N, C-alpha and C. Protein backbone atom coordinates (compact mmCIF):
# COMPACT_ATOMS: atom_id res chain seq x y z
N MET A 1 0.38 -18.28 0.26
CA MET A 1 -0.31 -16.90 0.53
C MET A 1 -1.46 -17.19 1.47
N ASP A 2 -1.60 -16.26 2.40
CA ASP A 2 -2.86 -16.31 3.35
C ASP A 2 -4.02 -15.77 2.63
N SER A 3 -5.06 -15.94 3.39
CA SER A 3 -6.47 -15.68 2.81
C SER A 3 -6.58 -14.13 2.42
N GLU A 4 -6.23 -13.16 3.34
CA GLU A 4 -6.37 -11.80 2.98
C GLU A 4 -5.40 -11.41 1.77
N THR A 5 -4.32 -11.87 1.70
CA THR A 5 -3.35 -11.50 0.64
C THR A 5 -3.91 -12.15 -0.62
N GLN A 6 -4.48 -13.40 -0.61
CA GLN A 6 -5.09 -14.03 -1.76
C GLN A 6 -6.34 -13.12 -2.25
N LYS A 7 -7.10 -12.61 -1.18
CA LYS A 7 -8.26 -11.81 -1.60
C LYS A 7 -7.82 -10.64 -2.43
N LEU A 8 -6.77 -9.96 -1.97
CA LEU A 8 -6.20 -8.83 -2.73
C LEU A 8 -5.76 -9.18 -4.14
N ALA A 9 -5.05 -10.37 -4.27
CA ALA A 9 -4.45 -10.87 -5.51
C ALA A 9 -5.62 -11.05 -6.43
N ALA A 10 -6.76 -11.71 -5.90
CA ALA A 10 -7.81 -11.99 -6.91
C ALA A 10 -8.57 -10.75 -7.42
N VAL A 11 -8.60 -9.69 -6.69
CA VAL A 11 -9.36 -8.45 -7.17
C VAL A 11 -8.44 -7.47 -7.61
N ARG A 12 -7.06 -7.67 -7.72
CA ARG A 12 -6.07 -6.68 -8.09
C ARG A 12 -6.47 -5.97 -9.39
N THR A 13 -6.77 -6.73 -10.46
CA THR A 13 -7.13 -5.99 -11.74
C THR A 13 -8.30 -5.09 -11.71
N GLN A 14 -9.26 -5.57 -10.98
CA GLN A 14 -10.52 -4.74 -10.84
C GLN A 14 -10.28 -3.60 -9.91
N PHE A 15 -9.50 -3.76 -8.84
CA PHE A 15 -9.08 -2.66 -7.96
C PHE A 15 -8.41 -1.56 -8.79
N VAL A 16 -7.48 -1.94 -9.56
CA VAL A 16 -6.60 -0.97 -10.41
C VAL A 16 -7.43 -0.23 -11.42
N SER A 17 -8.44 -0.82 -11.93
CA SER A 17 -9.24 -0.24 -12.90
C SER A 17 -10.45 0.66 -12.39
N ARG A 18 -10.82 0.26 -11.14
CA ARG A 18 -12.03 1.02 -10.58
C ARG A 18 -11.79 2.09 -9.50
N VAL A 19 -10.60 1.88 -8.74
CA VAL A 19 -10.53 2.81 -7.61
C VAL A 19 -10.24 4.22 -8.05
N SER A 20 -10.91 5.13 -7.41
CA SER A 20 -10.81 6.59 -7.80
C SER A 20 -9.48 7.22 -7.25
N GLN A 21 -9.11 8.25 -7.74
CA GLN A 21 -7.99 9.07 -7.29
C GLN A 21 -8.22 9.52 -5.87
N PRO A 22 -9.37 10.18 -5.50
CA PRO A 22 -9.61 10.64 -4.15
C PRO A 22 -9.51 9.50 -3.19
N VAL A 23 -10.14 8.38 -3.54
CA VAL A 23 -10.07 7.13 -2.56
C VAL A 23 -8.60 6.66 -2.47
N LEU A 24 -7.86 6.52 -3.48
CA LEU A 24 -6.47 6.35 -3.32
C LEU A 24 -5.80 7.16 -2.30
N CYS A 25 -5.96 8.46 -2.49
CA CYS A 25 -5.32 9.36 -1.48
C CYS A 25 -5.76 9.04 -0.09
N LYS A 26 -7.00 8.81 0.09
CA LYS A 26 -7.43 8.55 1.50
C LYS A 26 -6.82 7.23 2.06
N LEU A 27 -6.76 6.19 1.10
CA LEU A 27 -6.07 4.97 1.56
C LEU A 27 -4.61 5.10 1.84
N LEU A 28 -3.99 5.93 1.06
CA LEU A 28 -2.53 6.19 1.43
C LEU A 28 -2.44 6.78 2.78
N ASP A 29 -3.22 7.84 3.01
CA ASP A 29 -3.22 8.61 4.28
C ASP A 29 -3.47 7.60 5.51
N LYS A 30 -4.51 6.77 5.23
CA LYS A 30 -5.01 5.78 6.44
C LYS A 30 -3.93 4.79 6.61
N LEU A 31 -3.40 4.15 5.66
CA LEU A 31 -2.33 3.19 5.72
C LEU A 31 -1.03 3.71 6.27
N LEU A 32 -0.71 4.96 5.98
CA LEU A 32 0.47 5.63 6.60
C LEU A 32 0.27 5.75 8.04
N GLU A 33 -0.96 6.33 8.39
CA GLU A 33 -1.39 6.63 9.69
C GLU A 33 -1.31 5.36 10.66
N ASP A 34 -1.77 4.20 10.01
CA ASP A 34 -1.75 2.90 10.79
C ASP A 34 -0.45 2.22 10.64
N ARG A 35 0.62 2.84 9.98
CA ARG A 35 1.92 2.24 9.79
C ARG A 35 1.99 1.13 9.07
N VAL A 36 1.19 0.91 8.11
CA VAL A 36 1.14 -0.18 7.15
C VAL A 36 2.14 0.06 6.05
N ILE A 37 2.25 1.28 5.68
CA ILE A 37 3.27 1.77 4.68
C ILE A 37 4.15 2.86 5.33
N THR A 38 5.31 3.01 4.81
CA THR A 38 6.23 3.96 5.25
C THR A 38 5.98 5.20 4.60
N GLU A 39 6.56 6.35 5.15
CA GLU A 39 6.46 7.64 4.49
C GLU A 39 7.19 7.57 3.07
N ASP A 40 8.31 6.80 2.94
CA ASP A 40 9.03 6.73 1.70
C ASP A 40 8.14 6.05 0.69
N GLU A 41 7.47 4.95 1.08
CA GLU A 41 6.59 4.15 0.09
C GLU A 41 5.48 5.06 -0.31
N MET A 42 4.84 5.87 0.61
CA MET A 42 3.79 6.75 0.35
C MET A 42 4.14 7.67 -0.63
N GLU A 43 5.47 8.37 -0.47
CA GLU A 43 5.96 9.40 -1.35
C GLU A 43 6.12 8.89 -2.64
N VAL A 44 6.78 7.64 -2.89
CA VAL A 44 6.89 7.05 -4.19
C VAL A 44 5.63 6.83 -4.90
N ILE A 45 4.62 6.32 -4.22
CA ILE A 45 3.30 6.14 -4.72
C ILE A 45 2.65 7.38 -5.13
N SER A 46 2.77 8.36 -4.27
CA SER A 46 2.06 9.72 -4.44
C SER A 46 2.52 10.38 -5.67
N ILE A 47 3.86 10.37 -5.94
CA ILE A 47 4.40 11.15 -7.00
C ILE A 47 4.24 10.45 -8.47
N THR A 48 3.74 9.19 -8.31
CA THR A 48 3.40 8.52 -9.66
C THR A 48 2.23 9.15 -10.35
N ALA A 49 2.41 9.47 -11.56
CA ALA A 49 1.56 10.19 -12.41
C ALA A 49 0.08 9.75 -12.57
N HIS A 50 0.09 8.51 -12.91
CA HIS A 50 -1.14 7.81 -13.44
C HIS A 50 -1.91 7.10 -12.29
N ARG A 51 -3.22 7.28 -12.07
CA ARG A 51 -4.08 6.77 -11.10
C ARG A 51 -3.90 5.23 -11.09
N ALA A 52 -4.05 4.57 -12.35
CA ALA A 52 -4.04 3.19 -12.38
C ALA A 52 -2.60 2.55 -11.77
N GLU A 53 -1.48 3.39 -12.13
CA GLU A 53 -0.13 2.95 -11.78
C GLU A 53 -0.07 3.10 -10.09
N LYS A 54 -0.60 4.14 -9.63
CA LYS A 54 -0.64 4.32 -8.08
C LYS A 54 -1.46 3.16 -7.50
N ALA A 55 -2.54 2.84 -8.01
CA ALA A 55 -3.36 1.69 -7.41
C ALA A 55 -2.54 0.43 -7.59
N ARG A 56 -1.86 0.19 -8.62
CA ARG A 56 -1.04 -0.97 -8.81
C ARG A 56 0.07 -1.02 -7.79
N MET A 57 0.78 0.06 -7.49
CA MET A 57 1.90 0.12 -6.66
C MET A 57 1.29 -0.07 -5.13
N LEU A 58 0.30 0.56 -4.86
CA LEU A 58 -0.35 0.44 -3.59
C LEU A 58 -0.73 -0.93 -3.25
N ILE A 59 -1.48 -1.62 -4.03
CA ILE A 59 -1.99 -2.97 -3.80
C ILE A 59 -0.77 -3.94 -3.77
N ASP A 60 0.15 -3.82 -4.65
CA ASP A 60 1.41 -4.64 -4.60
C ASP A 60 2.18 -4.49 -3.38
N THR A 61 2.46 -3.31 -3.04
CA THR A 61 3.22 -2.95 -1.80
C THR A 61 2.67 -3.56 -0.56
N VAL A 62 1.33 -3.51 -0.43
CA VAL A 62 0.59 -4.02 0.65
C VAL A 62 0.61 -5.46 0.75
N ARG A 63 0.33 -6.07 -0.47
CA ARG A 63 0.26 -7.59 -0.52
C ARG A 63 1.54 -8.21 -0.11
N ARG A 64 2.65 -7.56 -0.56
CA ARG A 64 4.08 -8.12 -0.16
C ARG A 64 4.25 -8.08 1.34
N LYS A 65 3.52 -7.40 2.09
CA LYS A 65 3.73 -7.15 3.47
C LYS A 65 2.94 -8.23 4.29
N GLY A 66 2.09 -9.05 3.62
CA GLY A 66 1.45 -10.12 4.26
C GLY A 66 -0.11 -9.86 4.69
N SER A 67 -0.49 -10.80 5.58
CA SER A 67 -1.89 -10.78 5.96
C SER A 67 -2.38 -9.62 6.63
N GLU A 68 -1.59 -9.13 7.70
CA GLU A 68 -2.03 -7.99 8.48
C GLU A 68 -2.34 -6.76 7.70
N ALA A 69 -1.17 -6.48 6.82
CA ALA A 69 -1.29 -5.27 5.99
C ALA A 69 -2.36 -5.39 4.91
N SER A 70 -2.54 -6.64 4.38
CA SER A 70 -3.67 -6.75 3.34
C SER A 70 -4.98 -6.51 4.03
N SER A 71 -5.18 -7.01 5.22
CA SER A 71 -6.35 -6.91 6.01
C SER A 71 -6.57 -5.42 6.31
N ALA A 72 -5.60 -4.70 6.52
CA ALA A 72 -5.73 -3.20 6.83
C ALA A 72 -6.20 -2.46 5.56
N LEU A 73 -5.59 -2.82 4.35
CA LEU A 73 -6.01 -2.18 3.13
C LEU A 73 -7.55 -2.56 2.87
N ILE A 74 -7.94 -3.83 3.01
CA ILE A 74 -9.22 -4.26 2.81
C ILE A 74 -10.25 -3.43 3.76
N SER A 75 -9.89 -3.29 4.97
CA SER A 75 -10.68 -2.56 5.97
C SER A 75 -10.80 -1.07 5.52
N ALA A 76 -9.62 -0.43 5.12
CA ALA A 76 -9.74 0.98 4.74
C ALA A 76 -10.54 1.14 3.54
N LEU A 77 -10.41 0.29 2.58
CA LEU A 77 -11.21 0.27 1.28
C LEU A 77 -12.74 0.23 1.59
N CYS A 78 -13.12 -0.73 2.53
CA CYS A 78 -14.47 -0.91 2.83
C CYS A 78 -15.06 0.38 3.52
N GLU A 79 -14.14 1.06 4.26
CA GLU A 79 -14.55 2.23 5.02
C GLU A 79 -14.67 3.41 4.00
N GLU A 80 -13.74 3.58 3.12
CA GLU A 80 -13.68 4.70 2.24
C GLU A 80 -14.54 4.57 0.98
N ASP A 81 -14.70 3.35 0.55
CA ASP A 81 -15.54 3.16 -0.71
C ASP A 81 -16.37 1.89 -0.60
N PRO A 82 -17.51 1.86 0.12
CA PRO A 82 -18.29 0.64 0.32
C PRO A 82 -18.75 0.08 -1.02
N CYS A 83 -18.98 0.88 -2.11
CA CYS A 83 -19.55 0.47 -3.24
C CYS A 83 -18.60 -0.45 -4.03
N ILE A 84 -17.30 0.05 -4.11
CA ILE A 84 -16.32 -0.74 -4.78
C ILE A 84 -15.96 -2.11 -3.86
N SER A 85 -16.01 -1.88 -2.66
CA SER A 85 -15.75 -3.02 -1.73
C SER A 85 -16.77 -4.19 -1.95
N THR A 86 -18.06 -3.70 -2.09
CA THR A 86 -19.25 -4.65 -2.34
C THR A 86 -18.91 -5.19 -3.65
N GLU A 87 -18.54 -4.50 -4.75
CA GLU A 87 -18.40 -4.99 -6.07
C GLU A 87 -17.28 -6.17 -6.14
N LEU A 88 -16.23 -5.78 -5.38
CA LEU A 88 -15.15 -6.73 -5.33
C LEU A 88 -15.30 -7.77 -4.40
N LYS A 89 -16.38 -7.83 -3.69
CA LYS A 89 -16.77 -8.92 -2.75
C LYS A 89 -15.77 -8.95 -1.54
N LEU A 90 -15.43 -7.76 -1.08
CA LEU A 90 -14.43 -7.73 0.06
C LEU A 90 -15.08 -7.47 1.27
N MET A 91 -16.47 -7.10 1.28
CA MET A 91 -17.29 -6.83 2.59
C MET A 91 -17.94 -8.05 2.96
């Protein structure tokens, strides 16, 4: 595992428990726009009922795609929620 993917793996539990629904929606939009996730992946994650499950699916989907995708999620999270990014030591 590369360093960006490892960073996400290390903060997975905290990300899942802390990230808000509005931030998750913004992350999905940004990652779709940047072609990190596909429309199908976004749709599957979006229709998931529980916020924590959405967060889990998002971080796992991105981690499986490797370093570039992981880096994109970290950047988007830093932009959308600097507070959580700092708490998770991603900034």
